[in-house]
Amino acid sequence: VQVSEFFEIAYAAASKRLCFFTGTGFSKAVTANQAPSWQELLEVACDATLNPEPLKQALFPKDGPNPLSLEEAAQVIALELSKVDKDIHNE
């Protein structure tokens, strides 16, 4: 028996287990582009590290592509924040 995706959605809603996932552009769209991008958030997180400017320049160079994906850059920033007893999720 094949179950319809509509049935799955209805069942999830009726059992109060429905969850919507939106893409990263959703916040920008509902705030008239005033919400920061993921990169902008990561750059702000860099400000809480010991040496933010060289870190920003290494991760987000102005004159070329980023050397790391944003996920990888977030990991580097998280490591730098841990050196000053801070958590990237709080920053």
N, C-alpha and C. Protein backbone atom coordinates (compact mmCIF):
# COMPACT_ATOMS: atom_id res chain seq x y z
N VAL A 1 0.85 -1.18 0.00
CA VAL A 1 0.00 0.00 0.00
C VAL A 1 0.89 1.23 0.00
N GLN A 2 0.71 2.08 -0.99
CA GLN A 2 1.48 3.32 -1.06
C GLN A 2 0.69 4.43 -0.37
N VAL A 3 1.36 5.15 0.51
CA VAL A 3 0.71 6.22 1.26
C VAL A 3 1.00 7.55 0.58
N SER A 4 -0.03 8.33 0.42
CA SER A 4 0.10 9.64 -0.21
C SER A 4 0.84 10.61 0.71
N GLU A 5 1.66 11.48 0.08
CA GLU A 5 2.35 12.49 0.90
C GLU A 5 1.35 13.44 1.54
N PHE A 6 0.18 13.61 0.93
CA PHE A 6 -0.85 14.45 1.53
C PHE A 6 -1.39 13.81 2.80
N PHE A 7 -1.54 12.49 2.79
CA PHE A 7 -1.96 11.77 3.99
C PHE A 7 -0.92 11.94 5.09
N GLU A 8 0.36 11.81 4.72
CA GLU A 8 1.44 11.96 5.69
C GLU A 8 1.42 13.35 6.32
N ILE A 9 1.20 14.37 5.50
CA ILE A 9 1.14 15.75 6.00
C ILE A 9 -0.06 15.92 6.92
N ALA A 10 -1.22 15.42 6.50
CA ALA A 10 -2.44 15.53 7.30
C ALA A 10 -2.28 14.80 8.63
N TYR A 11 -1.68 13.62 8.59
CA TYR A 11 -1.47 12.85 9.82
C TYR A 11 -0.52 13.60 10.76
N ALA A 12 0.56 14.16 10.22
CA ALA A 12 1.50 14.91 11.04
C ALA A 12 0.82 16.12 11.67
N ALA A 13 -0.02 16.80 10.90
CA ALA A 13 -0.73 17.97 11.44
C ALA A 13 -1.71 17.55 12.52
N ALA A 14 -2.47 16.48 12.28
CA ALA A 14 -3.46 16.02 13.25
C ALA A 14 -2.81 15.53 14.54
N SER A 15 -1.63 14.95 14.44
CA SER A 15 -0.95 14.44 15.63
C SER A 15 0.01 15.46 16.24
N LYS A 16 -0.09 16.69 15.75
CA LYS A 16 0.72 17.80 16.24
C LYS A 16 2.22 17.50 16.14
N ARG A 17 2.61 16.89 15.02
CA ARG A 17 4.01 16.56 14.78
C ARG A 17 4.49 17.16 13.47
N LEU A 18 3.77 18.12 12.97
CA LEU A 18 4.13 18.76 11.71
C LEU A 18 5.21 19.79 11.96
N CYS A 19 6.21 19.78 11.13
CA CYS A 19 7.33 20.71 11.28
C CYS A 19 7.69 21.24 9.90
N PHE A 20 7.79 22.55 9.78
CA PHE A 20 8.17 23.17 8.51
C PHE A 20 9.65 23.52 8.55
N PHE A 21 10.31 23.26 7.45
CA PHE A 21 11.70 23.66 7.29
C PHE A 21 11.75 24.69 6.18
N THR A 22 12.46 25.76 6.43
CA THR A 22 12.60 26.79 5.40
C THR A 22 14.07 26.95 5.06
N GLY A 23 14.31 27.47 3.92
CA GLY A 23 15.69 27.71 3.49
C GLY A 23 16.23 28.98 4.13
N THR A 24 17.51 29.21 3.93
CA THR A 24 18.16 30.36 4.56
C THR A 24 17.66 31.68 4.01
N GLY A 25 17.08 31.67 2.83
CA GLY A 25 16.58 32.91 2.26
C GLY A 25 15.27 33.38 2.87
N PHE A 26 14.63 32.54 3.64
CA PHE A 26 13.32 32.87 4.22
C PHE A 26 13.41 34.12 5.11
N SER A 27 14.39 34.16 6.00
CA SER A 27 14.54 35.31 6.91
C SER A 27 14.76 36.60 6.14
N LYS A 28 15.56 36.53 5.10
CA LYS A 28 15.83 37.73 4.30
C LYS A 28 14.54 38.19 3.62
N ALA A 29 13.76 37.24 3.12
CA ALA A 29 12.54 37.59 2.40
C ALA A 29 11.50 38.26 3.31
N VAL A 30 11.35 37.76 4.53
CA VAL A 30 10.33 38.31 5.42
C VAL A 30 10.79 39.55 6.17
N THR A 31 12.07 39.94 6.01
CA THR A 31 12.58 41.15 6.68
C THR A 31 13.05 42.19 5.67
N ALA A 32 12.60 42.08 4.43
CA ALA A 32 13.00 43.02 3.38
C ALA A 32 14.52 43.12 3.29
N ASN A 33 15.17 41.98 3.31
CA ASN A 33 16.63 41.86 3.20
C ASN A 33 17.40 42.49 4.36
N GLN A 34 16.75 42.70 5.49
CA GLN A 34 17.45 43.29 6.64
C GLN A 34 18.09 42.24 7.54
N ALA A 35 17.64 41.00 7.47
CA ALA A 35 18.26 39.93 8.26
C ALA A 35 19.64 39.66 7.68
N PRO A 36 20.61 39.35 8.54
CA PRO A 36 21.96 39.09 8.02
C PRO A 36 22.02 37.74 7.29
N SER A 37 22.97 37.65 6.38
CA SER A 37 23.22 36.38 5.70
C SER A 37 24.01 35.48 6.65
N TRP A 38 24.19 34.22 6.26
CA TRP A 38 25.00 33.32 7.08
C TRP A 38 26.42 33.84 7.20
N GLN A 39 26.97 34.33 6.12
CA GLN A 39 28.33 34.85 6.18
C GLN A 39 28.41 36.06 7.10
N GLU A 40 27.43 36.94 7.00
CA GLU A 40 27.43 38.13 7.87
C GLU A 40 27.36 37.71 9.34
N LEU A 41 26.58 36.70 9.66
CA LEU A 41 26.51 36.21 11.04
C LEU A 41 27.85 35.65 11.49
N LEU A 42 28.51 34.92 10.60
CA LEU A 42 29.82 34.36 10.95
C LEU A 42 30.85 35.46 11.15
N GLU A 43 30.77 36.50 10.34
CA GLU A 43 31.70 37.62 10.50
C GLU A 43 31.49 38.30 11.84
N VAL A 44 30.26 38.44 12.27
CA VAL A 44 29.96 39.02 13.58
C VAL A 44 30.52 38.11 14.68
N ALA A 45 30.38 36.81 14.51
CA ALA A 45 30.92 35.86 15.51
C ALA A 45 32.43 35.99 15.61
N CYS A 46 33.08 36.30 14.50
CA CYS A 46 34.55 36.50 14.53
C CYS A 46 34.94 37.62 15.48
N ASP A 47 34.08 38.62 15.63
CA ASP A 47 34.39 39.77 16.47
C ASP A 47 34.62 39.38 17.93
N ALA A 48 34.13 38.22 18.34
CA ALA A 48 34.29 37.78 19.72
C ALA A 48 35.56 36.95 19.92
N THR A 49 36.36 36.77 18.88
CA THR A 49 37.61 36.01 19.00
C THR A 49 38.75 36.93 19.42
N LEU A 50 39.91 36.32 19.69
CA LEU A 50 41.07 37.10 20.14
C LEU A 50 41.59 38.06 19.07
N ASN A 51 41.58 37.63 17.82
CA ASN A 51 42.16 38.42 16.74
C ASN A 51 41.21 38.41 15.54
N PRO A 52 40.13 39.16 15.61
CA PRO A 52 39.06 39.03 14.61
C PRO A 52 39.41 39.43 13.18
N GLU A 53 40.14 40.51 13.00
CA GLU A 53 40.36 41.00 11.63
C GLU A 53 41.16 40.03 10.76
N PRO A 54 42.29 39.50 11.23
CA PRO A 54 43.01 38.52 10.40
C PRO A 54 42.18 37.27 10.13
N LEU A 55 41.37 36.87 11.11
CA LEU A 55 40.51 35.69 10.93
C LEU A 55 39.47 35.95 9.85
N LYS A 56 38.83 37.12 9.89
CA LYS A 56 37.84 37.48 8.86
C LYS A 56 38.49 37.52 7.48
N GLN A 57 39.68 38.13 7.41
CA GLN A 57 40.36 38.25 6.11
C GLN A 57 40.73 36.88 5.56
N ALA A 58 41.12 35.95 6.44
CA ALA A 58 41.49 34.61 5.99
C ALA A 58 40.28 33.81 5.54
N LEU A 59 39.18 33.93 6.27
CA LEU A 59 37.99 33.14 5.96
C LEU A 59 37.12 33.76 4.87
N PHE A 60 37.08 35.09 4.83
CA PHE A 60 36.18 35.80 3.91
C PHE A 60 36.94 36.89 3.16
N PRO A 61 37.89 36.51 2.30
CA PRO A 61 38.69 37.53 1.61
C PRO A 61 37.83 38.41 0.70
N LYS A 62 38.17 39.69 0.66
CA LYS A 62 37.41 40.65 -0.15
C LYS A 62 37.76 40.54 -1.63
N ASP A 63 38.94 39.99 -1.93
CA ASP A 63 39.42 39.98 -3.32
C ASP A 63 39.37 38.61 -3.98
N GLY A 64 38.54 37.72 -3.48
CA GLY A 64 38.45 36.40 -4.10
C GLY A 64 37.42 35.55 -3.39
N PRO A 65 37.30 34.31 -3.85
CA PRO A 65 36.32 33.42 -3.23
C PRO A 65 36.75 32.97 -1.84
N ASN A 66 35.79 32.59 -1.05
CA ASN A 66 36.08 32.06 0.28
C ASN A 66 36.84 30.74 0.13
N PRO A 67 37.92 30.56 0.90
CA PRO A 67 38.68 29.32 0.78
C PRO A 67 37.97 28.10 1.38
N LEU A 68 37.03 28.35 2.27
CA LEU A 68 36.28 27.28 2.93
C LEU A 68 34.79 27.48 2.72
N SER A 69 34.02 26.41 2.83
CA SER A 69 32.57 26.54 2.82
C SER A 69 32.16 27.26 4.10
N LEU A 70 30.95 27.77 4.15
CA LEU A 70 30.49 28.46 5.36
C LEU A 70 30.44 27.51 6.56
N GLU A 71 30.10 26.25 6.31
CA GLU A 71 30.08 25.27 7.39
C GLU A 71 31.49 25.07 7.97
N GLU A 72 32.48 24.97 7.08
CA GLU A 72 33.86 24.81 7.53
C GLU A 72 34.35 26.06 8.25
N ALA A 73 33.99 27.23 7.72
CA ALA A 73 34.37 28.49 8.37
C ALA A 73 33.77 28.56 9.77
N ALA A 74 32.53 28.10 9.92
CA ALA A 74 31.89 28.10 11.24
C ALA A 74 32.65 27.21 12.21
N GLN A 75 33.18 26.09 11.73
CA GLN A 75 33.95 25.20 12.59
C GLN A 75 35.24 25.88 13.05
N VAL A 76 35.90 26.59 12.14
CA VAL A 76 37.13 27.31 12.49
C VAL A 76 36.81 28.39 13.53
N ILE A 77 35.73 29.13 13.29
CA ILE A 77 35.34 30.19 14.23
C ILE A 77 34.99 29.59 15.59
N ALA A 78 34.30 28.47 15.59
CA ALA A 78 33.94 27.81 16.85
C ALA A 78 35.20 27.43 17.63
N LEU A 79 36.22 26.94 16.93
CA LEU A 79 37.48 26.60 17.59
C LEU A 79 38.15 27.85 18.17
N GLU A 80 38.16 28.92 17.40
CA GLU A 80 38.77 30.17 17.88
C GLU A 80 37.99 30.73 19.08
N LEU A 81 36.69 30.61 19.06
CA LEU A 81 35.88 31.09 20.19
C LEU A 81 36.12 30.25 21.44
N SER A 82 36.32 28.95 21.23
CA SER A 82 36.55 28.08 22.39
C SER A 82 37.83 28.46 23.13
N LYS A 83 38.78 29.09 22.42
CA LYS A 83 40.03 29.53 23.05
C LYS A 83 39.80 30.64 24.07
N VAL A 84 38.67 31.33 23.93
CA VAL A 84 38.33 32.40 24.89
C VAL A 84 37.06 32.04 25.66
N ASP A 85 36.83 30.73 25.78
CA ASP A 85 35.69 30.19 26.54
C ASP A 85 34.34 30.74 26.07
N LYS A 86 34.18 30.85 24.76
CA LYS A 86 32.90 31.28 24.19
C LYS A 86 32.37 30.20 23.26
N ASP A 87 31.06 30.22 23.06
CA ASP A 87 30.39 29.24 22.23
C ASP A 87 29.80 29.95 21.01
N ILE A 88 30.01 29.42 19.84
CA ILE A 88 29.52 30.05 18.60
C ILE A 88 28.00 30.21 18.62
N HIS A 89 27.31 29.28 19.26
CA HIS A 89 25.84 29.37 19.30
C HIS A 89 25.36 30.54 20.11
N ASN A 90 26.12 30.92 21.12
CA ASN A 90 25.75 32.08 21.94
C ASN A 90 26.17 33.38 21.29
N GLU A 91 27.25 33.33 20.56
CA GLU A 91 27.74 34.56 19.93
C GLU A 91 26.87 34.91 18.75
